[in-house]
Amino acid sequence: VQRTLRRFIKTGKDPIAKSSQCNVVYKIFYSDCDASYIGQTKRQLNTRVTEHRKDINKRSGTPSVTSTHRFEFGHDFDWEDVKVVNTEISYRKRLISEMINIKKQVNSLNLQSDTESLPAEYLPMGAFQQATQATRCDTESTKVLSYNDTRRHNATQLRSKVEIVVS
């Protein structure tokens, strides 16, 4: 009899929509390139995403890394595909989760200074690749290049131009 009643009576709560979740670590993807941004908030996710959108349109103050990327390359967020990476009520644990996820990213727009306070115990030897602080988008292939890749790319272009002039 109990088994039959359990099928008809739900004891759990209704699931919360992703955009209404609080205390989350989130990842926003760009629609035009491989870059992404990791952040955390204790407020509803849709509130924080709205702030990101408004920040891009803001013309005064210090621009965020997401706004800078938008202005330099004309790329826009995929606002409809914001991913919740982790849910954590504890602020400290949420910050640690954010830092670990920033370290794990390959094409991160986050500044690496965002992860300086991450205790070394959370990063086992070789577990995460250290992303470079400066990332750029190659507008032709729309992939993110590290600072060293960009230098090599620019040097190759310069050599090509010199060869054309010399020939």
N, C-alpha and C. Protein backbone atom coordinates (compact mmCIF):
# COMPACT_ATOMS: atom_id res chain seq x y z
N VAL A 1 0.83 -1.19 0.00
CA VAL A 1 0.00 0.00 0.00
C VAL A 1 0.88 1.26 0.00
N GLN A 2 1.97 1.27 0.78
CA GLN A 2 2.83 2.44 0.84
C GLN A 2 3.48 2.73 -0.51
N ARG A 3 3.89 1.69 -1.21
CA ARG A 3 4.49 1.89 -2.53
C ARG A 3 3.52 2.59 -3.48
N THR A 4 2.29 2.21 -3.43
CA THR A 4 1.28 2.79 -4.30
C THR A 4 1.05 4.25 -3.96
N LEU A 5 1.00 4.58 -2.67
CA LEU A 5 0.79 5.96 -2.25
C LEU A 5 1.96 6.85 -2.65
N ARG A 6 3.19 6.36 -2.55
CA ARG A 6 4.37 7.16 -2.92
C ARG A 6 4.33 7.58 -4.38
N ARG A 7 3.77 6.74 -5.21
CA ARG A 7 3.69 7.10 -6.62
C ARG A 7 2.77 8.29 -6.84
N PHE A 8 1.78 8.45 -6.01
CA PHE A 8 0.79 9.50 -6.19
C PHE A 8 1.07 10.75 -5.36
N ILE A 9 1.77 10.60 -4.26
CA ILE A 9 2.04 11.73 -3.37
C ILE A 9 3.52 12.08 -3.48
N LYS A 10 3.80 13.28 -3.94
CA LYS A 10 5.18 13.74 -4.05
C LYS A 10 5.57 14.44 -2.76
N THR A 11 6.72 14.09 -2.22
CA THR A 11 7.17 14.72 -0.99
C THR A 11 8.26 15.75 -1.26
N GLY A 12 8.81 15.77 -2.45
CA GLY A 12 9.88 16.71 -2.79
C GLY A 12 9.33 18.06 -3.20
N LYS A 13 10.25 18.99 -3.35
CA LYS A 13 9.87 20.33 -3.79
C LYS A 13 9.96 20.41 -5.30
N ASP A 14 9.27 21.39 -5.86
CA ASP A 14 9.36 21.62 -7.30
C ASP A 14 10.77 22.11 -7.63
N PRO A 15 11.30 21.70 -8.78
CA PRO A 15 12.65 22.18 -9.15
C PRO A 15 12.63 23.68 -9.44
N ILE A 16 13.72 24.34 -9.09
CA ILE A 16 13.86 25.78 -9.32
C ILE A 16 14.46 25.98 -10.71
N ALA A 17 13.91 26.91 -11.46
CA ALA A 17 14.45 27.23 -12.79
C ALA A 17 15.90 27.68 -12.65
N LYS A 18 16.73 27.32 -13.62
CA LYS A 18 18.15 27.65 -13.58
C LYS A 18 18.37 29.15 -13.37
N SER A 19 17.60 29.98 -14.04
CA SER A 19 17.80 31.43 -13.94
C SER A 19 17.39 31.99 -12.58
N SER A 20 16.63 31.24 -11.80
CA SER A 20 16.19 31.70 -10.48
C SER A 20 17.03 31.13 -9.35
N GLN A 21 18.01 30.30 -9.66
CA GLN A 21 18.83 29.69 -8.62
C GLN A 21 19.75 30.72 -7.98
N CYS A 22 20.00 30.54 -6.69
CA CYS A 22 20.90 31.40 -5.92
C CYS A 22 22.12 30.60 -5.50
N ASN A 23 23.15 31.30 -5.01
CA ASN A 23 24.36 30.65 -4.49
C ASN A 23 25.00 29.72 -5.52
N VAL A 24 25.28 30.26 -6.70
CA VAL A 24 25.79 29.44 -7.79
C VAL A 24 27.13 29.95 -8.31
N VAL A 25 27.90 29.02 -8.88
CA VAL A 25 29.05 29.34 -9.72
C VAL A 25 28.54 29.10 -11.13
N TYR A 26 28.74 30.07 -12.01
CA TYR A 26 28.17 29.99 -13.35
C TYR A 26 29.23 30.21 -14.42
N LYS A 27 28.90 29.77 -15.63
CA LYS A 27 29.80 29.93 -16.77
C LYS A 27 29.00 30.51 -17.92
N ILE A 28 29.51 31.63 -18.47
CA ILE A 28 28.86 32.26 -19.61
C ILE A 28 29.76 32.06 -20.83
N PHE A 29 29.17 31.56 -21.90
CA PHE A 29 29.90 31.31 -23.13
C PHE A 29 29.68 32.48 -24.09
N TYR A 30 30.65 32.69 -24.97
CA TYR A 30 30.47 33.64 -26.06
C TYR A 30 29.89 32.89 -27.24
N SER A 31 29.04 33.55 -28.01
CA SER A 31 28.43 32.89 -29.16
C SER A 31 29.33 32.91 -30.38
N ASP A 32 30.35 33.78 -30.40
CA ASP A 32 31.19 33.95 -31.58
C ASP A 32 32.59 33.37 -31.46
N CYS A 33 32.97 32.86 -30.29
CA CYS A 33 34.32 32.31 -30.12
C CYS A 33 34.33 31.31 -28.96
N ASP A 34 35.50 30.74 -28.69
CA ASP A 34 35.64 29.71 -27.66
C ASP A 34 35.77 30.27 -26.25
N ALA A 35 35.84 31.57 -26.10
CA ALA A 35 36.06 32.17 -24.79
C ALA A 35 34.84 31.99 -23.89
N SER A 36 35.12 31.95 -22.58
CA SER A 36 34.03 31.87 -21.61
C SER A 36 34.45 32.58 -20.33
N TYR A 37 33.48 32.86 -19.50
CA TYR A 37 33.69 33.60 -18.27
C TYR A 37 33.04 32.83 -17.12
N ILE A 38 33.77 32.69 -16.02
CA ILE A 38 33.26 32.03 -14.81
C ILE A 38 33.03 33.10 -13.74
N GLY A 39 31.91 33.01 -13.06
CA GLY A 39 31.61 33.93 -11.97
C GLY A 39 30.82 33.22 -10.88
N GLN A 40 30.57 33.94 -9.79
CA GLN A 40 29.77 33.37 -8.70
C GLN A 40 28.87 34.46 -8.16
N THR A 41 27.74 34.06 -7.64
CA THR A 41 26.82 35.01 -7.04
C THR A 41 25.98 34.33 -5.98
N LYS A 42 25.60 35.10 -4.95
CA LYS A 42 24.67 34.55 -3.96
C LYS A 42 23.24 34.90 -4.33
N ARG A 43 23.10 35.87 -5.23
CA ARG A 43 21.77 36.30 -5.66
C ARG A 43 21.25 35.40 -6.78
N GLN A 44 20.06 35.67 -7.27
CA GLN A 44 19.52 34.89 -8.37
C GLN A 44 20.40 35.07 -9.61
N LEU A 45 20.60 33.99 -10.33
CA LEU A 45 21.47 34.01 -11.51
C LEU A 45 21.00 35.04 -12.54
N ASN A 46 19.69 35.14 -12.75
CA ASN A 46 19.21 36.10 -13.75
C ASN A 46 19.52 37.54 -13.37
N THR A 47 19.59 37.86 -12.08
CA THR A 47 19.96 39.20 -11.62
C THR A 47 21.40 39.50 -12.00
N ARG A 48 22.30 38.53 -11.77
CA ARG A 48 23.72 38.73 -12.09
C ARG A 48 23.94 38.81 -13.60
N VAL A 49 23.25 37.99 -14.37
CA VAL A 49 23.37 38.02 -15.83
C VAL A 49 22.90 39.37 -16.36
N THR A 50 21.82 39.90 -15.80
CA THR A 50 21.32 41.22 -16.20
C THR A 50 22.38 42.29 -15.93
N GLU A 51 23.09 42.18 -14.80
CA GLU A 51 24.17 43.13 -14.50
C GLU A 51 25.28 43.04 -15.54
N HIS A 52 25.64 41.83 -15.95
CA HIS A 52 26.65 41.67 -17.00
C HIS A 52 26.20 42.36 -18.29
N ARG A 53 24.95 42.18 -18.64
CA ARG A 53 24.42 42.80 -19.87
C ARG A 53 24.47 44.32 -19.78
N LYS A 54 24.10 44.88 -18.63
CA LYS A 54 24.12 46.33 -18.45
C LYS A 54 25.55 46.86 -18.45
N ASP A 55 26.48 46.09 -17.91
CA ASP A 55 27.88 46.51 -17.85
C ASP A 55 28.45 46.71 -19.25
N ILE A 56 28.03 45.90 -20.19
CA ILE A 56 28.51 46.02 -21.57
C ILE A 56 28.05 47.34 -22.17
N ASN A 57 26.86 47.80 -21.81
CA ASN A 57 26.33 49.05 -22.35
C ASN A 57 26.80 50.28 -21.58
N LYS A 58 27.43 50.08 -20.42
CA LYS A 58 27.90 51.18 -19.58
C LYS A 58 29.10 51.84 -20.25
N ARG A 59 29.13 53.13 -20.31
CA ARG A 59 30.22 53.85 -20.98
C ARG A 59 31.20 54.50 -20.01
N SER A 60 30.90 54.52 -18.72
CA SER A 60 31.79 55.16 -17.76
C SER A 60 32.34 54.12 -16.79
N GLY A 61 33.40 54.49 -16.10
CA GLY A 61 34.00 53.58 -15.14
C GLY A 61 34.95 52.59 -15.80
N THR A 62 35.47 51.69 -15.01
CA THR A 62 36.40 50.69 -15.51
C THR A 62 35.63 49.56 -16.16
N PRO A 63 35.93 49.26 -17.44
CA PRO A 63 35.20 48.17 -18.10
C PRO A 63 35.63 46.80 -17.55
N SER A 64 34.71 45.88 -17.52
CA SER A 64 35.02 44.52 -17.07
C SER A 64 35.73 43.78 -18.20
N VAL A 65 36.29 42.60 -17.89
CA VAL A 65 36.97 41.81 -18.92
C VAL A 65 35.98 41.38 -20.00
N THR A 66 34.74 41.14 -19.61
CA THR A 66 33.73 40.74 -20.58
C THR A 66 33.38 41.90 -21.51
N SER A 67 33.27 43.10 -20.96
CA SER A 67 32.99 44.28 -21.78
C SER A 67 34.15 44.57 -22.72
N THR A 68 35.37 44.45 -22.21
CA THR A 68 36.55 44.69 -23.03
C THR A 68 36.59 43.74 -24.21
N HIS A 69 36.31 42.47 -23.97
CA HIS A 69 36.31 41.49 -25.05
C HIS A 69 35.23 41.83 -26.08
N ARG A 70 34.10 42.25 -25.60
CA ARG A 70 32.99 42.63 -26.50
C ARG A 70 33.38 43.81 -27.37
N PHE A 71 34.02 44.84 -26.77
CA PHE A 71 34.39 46.04 -27.53
C PHE A 71 35.52 45.76 -28.51
N GLU A 72 36.50 44.95 -28.10
CA GLU A 72 37.66 44.68 -28.97
C GLU A 72 37.30 43.80 -30.16
N PHE A 73 36.46 42.80 -29.95
CA PHE A 73 36.23 41.80 -30.98
C PHE A 73 34.79 41.76 -31.50
N GLY A 74 33.89 42.50 -30.87
CA GLY A 74 32.50 42.50 -31.32
C GLY A 74 31.75 41.22 -31.00
N HIS A 75 32.32 40.38 -30.14
CA HIS A 75 31.67 39.12 -29.78
C HIS A 75 30.66 39.37 -28.67
N ASP A 76 29.61 38.58 -28.67
CA ASP A 76 28.57 38.75 -27.66
C ASP A 76 28.37 37.45 -26.89
N PHE A 77 27.89 37.57 -25.68
CA PHE A 77 27.58 36.40 -24.87
C PHE A 77 26.44 35.61 -25.49
N ASP A 78 26.43 34.33 -25.20
CA ASP A 78 25.27 33.50 -25.50
C ASP A 78 24.42 33.55 -24.23
N TRP A 79 23.61 34.59 -24.11
CA TRP A 79 22.87 34.87 -22.88
C TRP A 79 21.89 33.76 -22.52
N GLU A 80 21.44 33.01 -23.50
CA GLU A 80 20.45 31.96 -23.25
C GLU A 80 21.07 30.66 -22.75
N ASP A 81 22.39 30.54 -22.85
CA ASP A 81 23.05 29.29 -22.48
C ASP A 81 24.04 29.48 -21.34
N VAL A 82 23.60 30.12 -20.26
CA VAL A 82 24.43 30.29 -19.07
C VAL A 82 24.35 28.99 -18.29
N LYS A 83 25.51 28.42 -17.98
CA LYS A 83 25.56 27.11 -17.32
C LYS A 83 25.84 27.28 -15.83
N VAL A 84 25.07 26.58 -15.01
CA VAL A 84 25.34 26.54 -13.57
C VAL A 84 26.36 25.42 -13.36
N VAL A 85 27.56 25.80 -12.93
CA VAL A 85 28.65 24.84 -12.74
C VAL A 85 28.55 24.16 -11.38
N ASN A 86 28.13 24.93 -10.37
CA ASN A 86 28.08 24.40 -9.01
C ASN A 86 27.10 25.24 -8.20
N THR A 87 26.48 24.61 -7.23
CA THR A 87 25.62 25.31 -6.28
C THR A 87 26.22 25.10 -4.90
N GLU A 88 26.44 26.20 -4.19
CA GLU A 88 27.07 26.11 -2.87
C GLU A 88 26.60 27.28 -2.01
N ILE A 89 26.04 26.99 -0.84
CA ILE A 89 25.53 28.03 0.05
C ILE A 89 26.68 28.78 0.73
N SER A 90 27.73 28.06 1.10
CA SER A 90 28.86 28.67 1.80
C SER A 90 29.64 29.59 0.85
N TYR A 91 29.80 30.86 1.24
CA TYR A 91 30.52 31.84 0.41
C TYR A 91 31.95 31.40 0.13
N ARG A 92 32.65 30.96 1.16
CA ARG A 92 34.07 30.55 0.98
C ARG A 92 34.18 29.36 0.03
N LYS A 93 33.32 28.37 0.20
CA LYS A 93 33.36 27.20 -0.68
C LYS A 93 32.99 27.58 -2.12
N ARG A 94 32.08 28.54 -2.25
CA ARG A 94 31.68 29.01 -3.58
C ARG A 94 32.84 29.72 -4.27
N LEU A 95 33.59 30.53 -3.50
CA LEU A 95 34.77 31.20 -4.05
C LEU A 95 35.83 30.19 -4.49
N ILE A 96 36.04 29.16 -3.69
CA ILE A 96 37.01 28.12 -4.04
C ILE A 96 36.57 27.39 -5.30
N SER A 97 35.30 27.07 -5.39
CA SER A 97 34.77 26.42 -6.58
C SER A 97 34.96 27.31 -7.81
N GLU A 98 34.71 28.61 -7.65
CA GLU A 98 34.91 29.55 -8.76
C GLU A 98 36.37 29.55 -9.20
N MET A 99 37.30 29.62 -8.24
CA MET A 99 38.73 29.66 -8.57
C MET A 99 39.18 28.37 -9.27
N ILE A 100 38.73 27.23 -8.77
CA ILE A 100 39.10 25.95 -9.39
C ILE A 100 38.57 25.89 -10.82
N ASN A 101 37.35 26.32 -11.02
CA ASN A 101 36.77 26.30 -12.37
C ASN A 101 37.46 27.29 -13.31
N ILE A 102 37.92 28.42 -12.79
CA ILE A 102 38.70 29.36 -13.60
C ILE A 102 40.00 28.69 -14.03
N LYS A 103 40.67 28.02 -13.09
CA LYS A 103 41.93 27.33 -13.40
C LYS A 103 41.73 26.23 -14.43
N LYS A 104 40.58 25.57 -14.40
CA LYS A 104 40.32 24.46 -15.32
C LYS A 104 40.01 24.92 -16.74
N GLN A 105 39.60 26.16 -16.90
CA GLN A 105 39.22 26.66 -18.22
C GLN A 105 40.42 26.74 -19.16
N VAL A 106 40.17 26.49 -20.43
CA VAL A 106 41.22 26.61 -21.44
C VAL A 106 41.23 28.03 -22.02
N ASN A 107 40.09 28.55 -22.40
CA ASN A 107 39.98 29.87 -23.01
C ASN A 107 39.23 30.82 -22.09
N SER A 108 39.86 31.15 -20.99
CA SER A 108 39.22 31.93 -19.95
C SER A 108 39.39 33.43 -20.18
N LEU A 109 38.33 34.18 -19.96
CA LEU A 109 38.43 35.63 -19.95
C LEU A 109 38.73 36.14 -18.55
N ASN A 110 38.61 35.28 -17.55
CA ASN A 110 38.89 35.68 -16.17
C ASN A 110 40.36 36.03 -16.02
N LEU A 111 40.63 37.03 -15.22
CA LEU A 111 42.01 37.36 -14.90
C LEU A 111 42.56 36.31 -13.95
N GLN A 112 43.80 35.91 -14.14
CA GLN A 112 44.37 34.91 -13.25
C GLN A 112 44.58 35.46 -11.84
N SER A 113 44.58 36.79 -11.69
CA SER A 113 44.66 37.37 -10.35
C SER A 113 43.43 37.00 -9.53
N ASP A 114 42.35 36.59 -10.21
CA ASP A 114 41.15 36.14 -9.51
C ASP A 114 41.39 34.85 -8.74
N THR A 115 42.48 34.14 -9.04
CA THR A 115 42.73 32.83 -8.43
C THR A 115 43.95 32.83 -7.52
N GLU A 116 44.54 33.99 -7.24
CA GLU A 116 45.76 34.04 -6.44
C GLU A 116 45.57 33.52 -5.02
N SER A 117 44.40 33.66 -4.47
CA SER A 117 44.18 33.22 -3.09
C SER A 117 43.76 31.76 -2.99
N LEU A 118 43.79 31.03 -4.11
CA LEU A 118 43.44 29.61 -4.09
C LEU A 118 44.55 28.82 -3.41
N PRO A 119 44.25 28.12 -2.31
CA PRO A 119 45.28 27.33 -1.63
C PRO A 119 45.86 26.26 -2.55
N ALA A 120 47.16 26.05 -2.46
CA ALA A 120 47.86 25.10 -3.33
C ALA A 120 47.32 23.68 -3.18
N GLU A 121 46.76 23.35 -2.02
CA GLU A 121 46.23 22.00 -1.79
C GLU A 121 45.10 21.66 -2.76
N TYR A 122 44.45 22.66 -3.30
CA TYR A 122 43.35 22.43 -4.23
C TYR A 122 43.83 22.16 -5.66
N LEU A 123 45.11 22.34 -5.89
CA LEU A 123 45.67 22.14 -7.22
C LEU A 123 46.76 21.08 -7.18
N PRO A 124 46.39 19.80 -7.28
CA PRO A 124 47.41 18.75 -7.31
C PRO A 124 48.33 18.94 -8.51
N MET A 125 49.55 18.45 -8.39
CA MET A 125 50.55 18.60 -9.45
C MET A 125 49.98 18.13 -10.79
N GLY A 126 49.98 19.01 -11.77
CA GLY A 126 49.58 18.66 -13.12
C GLY A 126 48.09 18.47 -13.32
N ALA A 127 47.28 18.72 -12.31
CA ALA A 127 45.84 18.49 -12.45
C ALA A 127 45.18 19.53 -13.36
N PHE A 128 45.64 20.76 -13.27
CA PHE A 128 45.04 21.82 -14.07
C PHE A 128 46.12 22.53 -14.88
N GLN A 129 45.78 22.89 -16.09
CA GLN A 129 46.69 23.69 -16.88
C GLN A 129 46.59 25.12 -16.39
N GLN A 130 47.74 25.76 -16.29
CA GLN A 130 47.75 27.17 -15.91
C GLN A 130 47.40 27.99 -17.15
N ALA A 131 46.27 28.64 -17.14
CA ALA A 131 45.90 29.48 -18.27
C ALA A 131 46.68 30.77 -18.19
N THR A 132 47.02 31.34 -19.32
CA THR A 132 47.74 32.60 -19.30
C THR A 132 46.77 33.73 -19.03
N GLN A 133 47.30 34.80 -18.45
CA GLN A 133 46.43 35.90 -18.08
C GLN A 133 45.89 36.62 -19.31
N ALA A 134 46.73 36.87 -20.29
CA ALA A 134 46.28 37.62 -21.46
C ALA A 134 45.75 36.67 -22.53
N THR A 135 44.51 36.85 -22.91
CA THR A 135 43.95 36.07 -24.01
C THR A 135 43.42 37.02 -25.06
N ARG A 136 43.53 36.58 -26.31
CA ARG A 136 43.05 37.41 -27.42
C ARG A 136 42.29 36.53 -28.37
N CYS A 137 41.41 37.11 -29.11
CA CYS A 137 40.68 36.36 -30.12
C CYS A 137 41.28 36.63 -31.48
N ASP A 138 41.50 35.58 -32.22
CA ASP A 138 41.91 35.70 -33.61
C ASP A 138 40.62 35.84 -34.40
N THR A 139 40.36 37.01 -34.96
CA THR A 139 39.07 37.27 -35.59
C THR A 139 38.84 36.43 -36.83
N GLU A 140 39.92 35.92 -37.45
CA GLU A 140 39.73 35.09 -38.63
C GLU A 140 39.21 33.71 -38.26
N SER A 141 39.78 33.09 -37.24
CA SER A 141 39.36 31.74 -36.88
C SER A 141 38.47 31.71 -35.65
N THR A 142 38.26 32.85 -35.03
CA THR A 142 37.45 33.02 -33.82
C THR A 142 37.81 32.02 -32.73
N LYS A 143 39.11 31.84 -32.50
CA LYS A 143 39.53 31.04 -31.35
C LYS A 143 40.37 31.93 -30.46
N VAL A 144 40.42 31.62 -29.19
CA VAL A 144 41.17 32.43 -28.26
C VAL A 144 42.62 32.00 -28.29
N LEU A 145 43.51 32.98 -28.34
CA LEU A 145 44.94 32.71 -28.35
C LEU A 145 45.54 33.19 -27.04
N SER A 146 46.50 32.45 -26.53
CA SER A 146 47.21 32.90 -25.34
C SER A 146 48.15 34.03 -25.75
N TYR A 147 48.74 34.69 -24.77
CA TYR A 147 49.66 35.79 -25.04
C TYR A 147 50.83 35.31 -25.91
N ASN A 148 51.41 34.14 -25.58
CA ASN A 148 52.54 33.62 -26.37
C ASN A 148 52.11 33.23 -27.77
N ASP A 149 50.93 32.62 -27.92
CA ASP A 149 50.43 32.29 -29.25
C ASP A 149 50.24 33.55 -30.08
N THR A 150 49.75 34.61 -29.45
CA THR A 150 49.54 35.87 -30.15
C THR A 150 50.86 36.44 -30.62
N ARG A 151 51.89 36.38 -29.77
CA ARG A 151 53.22 36.88 -30.16
C ARG A 151 53.75 36.08 -31.34
N ARG A 152 53.61 34.74 -31.30
CA ARG A 152 54.08 33.91 -32.42
C ARG A 152 53.29 34.23 -33.69
N HIS A 153 51.98 34.41 -33.55
CA HIS A 153 51.12 34.73 -34.69
C HIS A 153 51.54 36.06 -35.31
N ASN A 154 51.78 37.08 -34.47
CA ASN A 154 52.19 38.39 -34.97
C ASN A 154 53.56 38.33 -35.62
N ALA A 155 54.49 37.55 -35.04
CA ALA A 155 55.83 37.40 -35.62
C ALA A 155 55.75 36.73 -36.98
N THR A 156 54.90 35.73 -37.12
CA THR A 156 54.73 35.05 -38.41
C THR A 156 54.17 36.01 -39.45
N GLN A 157 53.17 36.81 -39.06
CA GLN A 157 52.60 37.78 -40.00
C GLN A 157 53.65 38.81 -40.41
N LEU A 158 54.48 39.25 -39.45
CA LEU A 158 55.52 40.22 -39.74
C LEU A 158 56.53 39.63 -40.72
N ARG A 159 56.95 38.36 -40.49
CA ARG A 159 57.88 37.70 -41.40
C ARG A 159 57.30 37.61 -42.80
N SER A 160 56.01 37.30 -42.91
CA SER A 160 55.36 37.21 -44.22
C SER A 160 55.39 38.56 -44.93
N LYS A 161 55.14 39.63 -44.19
CA LYS A 161 55.15 40.97 -44.79
C LYS A 161 56.56 41.34 -45.25
N VAL A 162 57.58 40.98 -44.45
CA VAL A 162 58.97 41.27 -44.80
C VAL A 162 59.35 40.50 -46.06
N GLU A 163 58.95 39.25 -46.16
CA GLU A 163 59.26 38.43 -47.34
C GLU A 163 58.63 39.03 -48.59
N ILE A 164 57.42 39.56 -48.48
CA ILE A 164 56.75 40.17 -49.63
C ILE A 164 57.50 41.41 -50.08
N VAL A 165 57.93 42.24 -49.14
CA VAL A 165 58.66 43.47 -49.46
C VAL A 165 60.01 43.14 -50.08
N VAL A 166 60.72 42.15 -49.52
CA VAL A 166 62.05 41.77 -50.00
C VAL A 166 61.97 41.14 -51.39
N SER A 167 60.96 40.36 -51.65
CA SER A 167 60.83 39.67 -52.95
C SER A 167 60.63 40.61 -54.03
